[in-house]
Amino acid sequence: MIGVDIIEIERIAKSIQKDSFIKGVFTQAEMEYYRSTGSRAETLAGFFAAKEAAAKAAGTGFNGFRPKDIEIMHAESGRPYAVPHNGAIKIFEGRKLHVSISHNTTTAIAVCMLV
């Protein structure tokens, strides 16, 4: 299964002004990565798009888990990968989730493949 999501970076830039949005969508590790790379909104926009794409690849949307339950991490090479937590563990159990994230100055896009 494949999921794709695209989002305007400005939409996320506005949303991250709200603490409730950050706490509901991003993990502590994701926020630490965001801060360590210059606190650029495109980083969190890419994470958000990846979470949405993963939910689409699962075929469930966010039924049974929250966006925060999919954590976007990075290998030493910089390659992103997704780690399921809480309700997402059951949804993605026994399957591998491959993630690719990209952005330009206005939009972020992510593709997830669930195998």
Protein backbone atom coordinates (compact mmCIF):
# COMPACT_ATOMS: atom_id res chain seq x y z
CA MET A 1 0.00 0.00 0.00
CA ILE A 2 1.17 3.53 -0.77
CA GLY A 3 0.18 6.83 0.84
CA VAL A 4 1.05 10.34 -0.30
CA ASP A 5 0.46 13.71 1.33
CA ILE A 6 1.36 17.28 0.42
CA ILE A 7 0.95 20.31 2.64
CA GLU A 8 1.62 24.03 2.51
CA ILE A 9 4.50 24.90 4.84
CA GLU A 10 2.80 28.18 5.82
CA ARG A 11 -0.18 26.21 7.18
CA ILE A 12 2.11 24.28 9.53
CA ALA A 13 4.05 27.46 10.42
CA LYS A 14 0.79 28.98 11.67
CA SER A 15 -0.35 25.79 13.43
CA ILE A 16 2.88 25.34 15.40
CA GLN A 17 2.20 28.64 17.12
CA LYS A 18 -0.37 26.66 19.14
CA ASP A 19 1.10 24.50 21.88
CA SER A 20 -1.92 22.16 21.69
CA PHE A 21 -1.15 21.41 18.03
CA ILE A 22 2.49 20.62 18.76
CA LYS A 23 1.64 18.39 21.74
CA GLY A 24 -1.03 16.52 19.78
CA VAL A 25 0.99 15.88 16.65
CA PHE A 26 4.73 15.74 17.38
CA THR A 27 6.82 13.66 19.78
CA GLN A 28 9.55 15.02 22.03
CA ALA A 29 12.22 13.49 19.76
CA GLU A 30 10.69 15.12 16.68
CA MET A 31 10.68 18.51 18.42
CA GLU A 32 14.31 18.04 19.46
CA TYR A 33 15.27 17.24 15.85
CA TYR A 34 13.32 20.30 14.66
CA ARG A 35 15.19 22.56 17.11
CA SER A 36 18.57 20.98 16.31
CA THR A 37 18.15 21.70 12.60
CA GLY A 38 17.30 25.40 12.96
CA SER A 39 13.58 25.31 13.87
CA ARG A 40 12.47 25.53 10.26
CA ALA A 41 8.75 25.05 9.63
CA GLU A 42 9.45 22.86 6.59
CA THR A 43 10.89 20.21 8.92
CA LEU A 44 7.63 19.84 10.84
CA ALA A 45 5.60 20.17 7.64
CA GLY A 46 7.52 17.19 6.25
CA PHE A 47 6.91 15.22 9.44
CA PHE A 48 3.21 16.07 9.30
CA ALA A 49 2.97 15.01 5.65
CA ALA A 50 4.76 11.73 6.47
CA LYS A 51 2.31 10.96 9.28
CA GLU A 52 -0.64 11.67 6.97
CA ALA A 53 0.89 9.56 4.21
CA ALA A 54 1.44 6.68 6.66
CA ALA A 55 -2.21 6.84 7.76
CA LYS A 56 -3.25 6.73 4.10
CA ALA A 57 -0.93 3.79 3.39
CA ALA A 58 -2.51 1.92 6.31
CA GLY A 59 -5.90 2.42 4.66
CA THR A 60 -7.41 3.51 7.98
CA GLY A 61 -6.66 7.21 8.20
CA PHE A 62 -6.13 8.10 11.84
CA ASN A 63 -8.79 5.68 13.08
CA GLY A 64 -7.36 3.84 16.08
CA PHE A 65 -4.28 6.01 16.50
CA ARG A 66 -3.15 9.64 16.61
CA PRO A 67 -0.63 11.51 14.46
CA LYS A 68 1.75 11.53 17.44
CA ASP A 69 1.68 7.70 17.40
CA ILE A 70 3.80 7.74 14.23
CA GLU A 71 7.22 9.12 15.05
CA ILE A 72 9.48 10.30 12.24
CA MET A 73 13.13 9.62 13.00
CA HIS A 74 16.34 9.79 10.97
CA ALA A 75 19.11 7.26 10.42
CA GLU A 76 22.70 8.47 10.68
CA SER A 77 22.66 8.83 6.90
CA GLY A 78 19.78 11.29 7.20
CA ARG A 79 17.22 8.88 5.74
CA PRO A 80 13.84 9.30 7.46
CA TYR A 81 12.00 6.35 8.92
CA ALA A 82 8.78 5.90 10.87
CA VAL A 83 8.37 4.29 14.28
CA PRO A 84 4.83 3.34 15.36
CA HIS A 85 3.78 3.85 18.98
CA ASN A 86 0.64 3.20 21.03
CA GLY A 87 -2.39 2.57 18.77
CA ALA A 88 -0.28 2.62 15.59
CA ILE A 89 1.66 -0.46 16.71
CA LYS A 90 -1.35 -2.69 16.11
CA ILE A 91 -2.14 -1.05 12.75
CA PHE A 92 1.40 -1.47 11.38
CA GLU A 93 2.28 -4.73 13.15
CA GLY A 94 4.35 -7.11 11.05
CA ARG A 95 4.78 -4.61 8.23
CA LYS A 96 7.59 -2.24 7.30
CA LEU A 97 6.86 1.42 6.62
CA HIS A 98 9.21 3.16 4.16
CA VAL A 99 9.16 6.97 4.17
CA SER A 100 10.42 9.65 1.80
CA ILE A 101 10.04 13.37 2.55
CA SER A 102 10.80 16.40 0.39
CA HIS A 103 9.99 20.10 0.34
CA ASN A 104 10.56 23.31 -1.54
CA THR A 105 10.00 26.85 -0.26
CA THR A 106 6.20 26.54 -0.13
CA THR A 107 5.20 22.89 0.17
CA ALA A 108 6.25 19.64 1.79
CA ILE A 109 5.44 16.21 0.42
CA ALA A 110 5.83 12.69 1.78
CA VAL A 111 5.35 9.24 0.33
CA CYS A 112 4.97 6.15 2.50
CA MET A 113 5.04 2.58 1.32
CA LEU A 114 3.75 -0.13 3.62
CA VAL A 115 5.07 -3.64 2.88
